């Protein structure tokens, strides 16, 4: 299976992010549900925006791969940032 196949690299990259999010949910990581929702939203939004900005001179497979790489990278960054937010202190309430 290569990057140009019908089931190409863009789907494989998205699956890496989704498996990471599911792993965080199973392990019970702090703030896992907001992180999962934000990561999937960023994945789809950033991929769509990137594919809209890319020039038409790129091949369709390259455009999908680059857009997916941008979306997955931002999705991982958002999920990592949200899961590392500190818990609210009970005394601060």
Protein backbone atom coordinates (compact mmCIF):
# COMPACT_ATOMS: atom_id res chain seq x y z
CA UNK A 1 0.00 0.00 0.00
CA UNK A 2 1.52 3.29 -1.07
CA UNK A 3 0.64 6.94 -0.68
CA UNK A 4 -1.13 7.01 -4.06
CA UNK A 5 -3.41 4.02 -3.45
CA UNK A 6 -7.15 4.34 -3.09
CA UNK A 7 -6.81 3.86 0.68
CA UNK A 8 -3.90 6.26 0.92
CA UNK A 9 -1.66 7.85 3.48
CA UNK A 10 -4.12 10.53 4.52
CA UNK A 11 -6.38 7.91 6.08
CA UNK A 12 -3.47 6.17 7.76
CA UNK A 13 -2.34 9.45 9.36
CA UNK A 14 -5.86 10.21 10.57
CA UNK A 15 -6.09 6.72 12.07
CA UNK A 16 -2.88 7.37 14.04
CA UNK A 17 -4.52 10.40 15.66
CA UNK A 18 -7.77 8.57 16.34
CA UNK A 19 -5.96 5.61 17.90
CA UNK A 20 -4.01 8.00 20.12
CA UNK A 21 -7.24 9.67 21.25
CA UNK A 22 -8.89 6.30 21.94
CA UNK A 23 -5.81 5.22 23.92
CA UNK A 24 -6.04 8.37 26.05
CA UNK A 25 -9.73 7.67 26.69
CA UNK A 26 -9.06 4.05 27.68
CA UNK A 27 -6.20 5.02 30.00
CA UNK A 28 -8.33 7.65 31.71
CA UNK A 29 -6.08 10.60 30.94
CA UNK A 30 -7.15 13.89 32.48
CA UNK A 31 -9.34 16.09 30.20
CA UNK A 32 -9.61 13.23 27.68
CA UNK A 33 -13.06 14.02 26.27
CA UNK A 34 -12.45 17.70 25.49
CA UNK A 35 -9.07 16.73 24.03
CA UNK A 36 -10.66 14.08 21.80
CA UNK A 37 -13.34 16.44 20.51
CA UNK A 38 -10.86 19.25 19.90
CA UNK A 39 -8.37 16.95 18.14
CA UNK A 40 -10.97 15.59 15.73
CA UNK A 41 -12.35 19.07 15.06
CA UNK A 42 -8.85 20.46 14.42
CA UNK A 43 -8.01 17.47 12.21
CA UNK A 44 -10.96 18.01 9.92
CA UNK A 45 -10.83 21.81 9.96
CA UNK A 46 -7.11 22.17 9.38
CA UNK A 47 -7.12 19.51 6.66
CA UNK A 48 -9.98 21.21 4.86
CA UNK A 49 -8.40 24.67 5.11
CA UNK A 50 -5.00 23.39 3.98
CA UNK A 51 -6.45 21.60 0.98
CA UNK A 52 -8.31 24.79 0.03
CA UNK A 53 -5.10 26.84 0.15
CA UNK A 54 -2.82 24.40 -1.71
CA UNK A 55 -2.16 25.25 -5.34
CA UNK A 56 -3.82 23.28 -8.10
CA UNK A 57 -0.45 22.35 -9.59
CA UNK A 58 -0.02 19.63 -6.96
CA UNK A 59 -1.36 16.19 -7.70
CA UNK A 60 -4.49 15.11 -5.86
CA UNK A 61 -2.62 12.51 -3.81
CA UNK A 62 0.03 15.02 -2.73
CA UNK A 63 -2.56 17.62 -1.80
CA UNK A 64 -4.51 15.12 0.33
CA UNK A 65 -1.31 13.91 2.00
CA UNK A 66 -0.05 17.39 2.83
CA UNK A 67 -3.47 18.49 4.12
CA UNK A 68 -3.75 15.38 6.27
CA UNK A 69 -0.24 15.88 7.64
CA UNK A 70 -1.08 19.43 8.70
CA UNK A 71 -4.38 18.34 10.28
CA UNK A 72 -2.86 15.40 12.13
CA UNK A 73 0.08 17.45 13.41
CA UNK A 74 -2.21 20.17 14.76
CA UNK A 75 -4.58 17.53 16.17
CA UNK A 76 -1.75 15.86 18.09
CA UNK A 77 -0.56 19.24 19.39
CA UNK A 78 -4.04 20.25 20.58
CA UNK A 79 -4.69 16.88 22.23
CA UNK A 80 -1.33 16.99 24.00
CA UNK A 81 -1.88 20.55 25.20
CA UNK A 82 -5.38 19.89 26.53
CA UNK A 83 -4.50 16.65 28.33
CA UNK A 84 -1.68 18.42 30.14
CA UNK A 85 -3.83 21.23 31.53
CA UNK A 86 -3.77 21.29 35.33
CA UNK A 87 -6.78 20.15 37.36
CA UNK A 88 -8.79 22.79 39.15
CA UNK A 89 -7.83 23.04 42.77
CA UNK A 90 -10.65 22.34 45.19
CA UNK A 91 -9.44 25.12 47.49
CA UNK A 92 -9.63 27.69 44.69
CA UNK A 93 -13.41 27.35 44.37
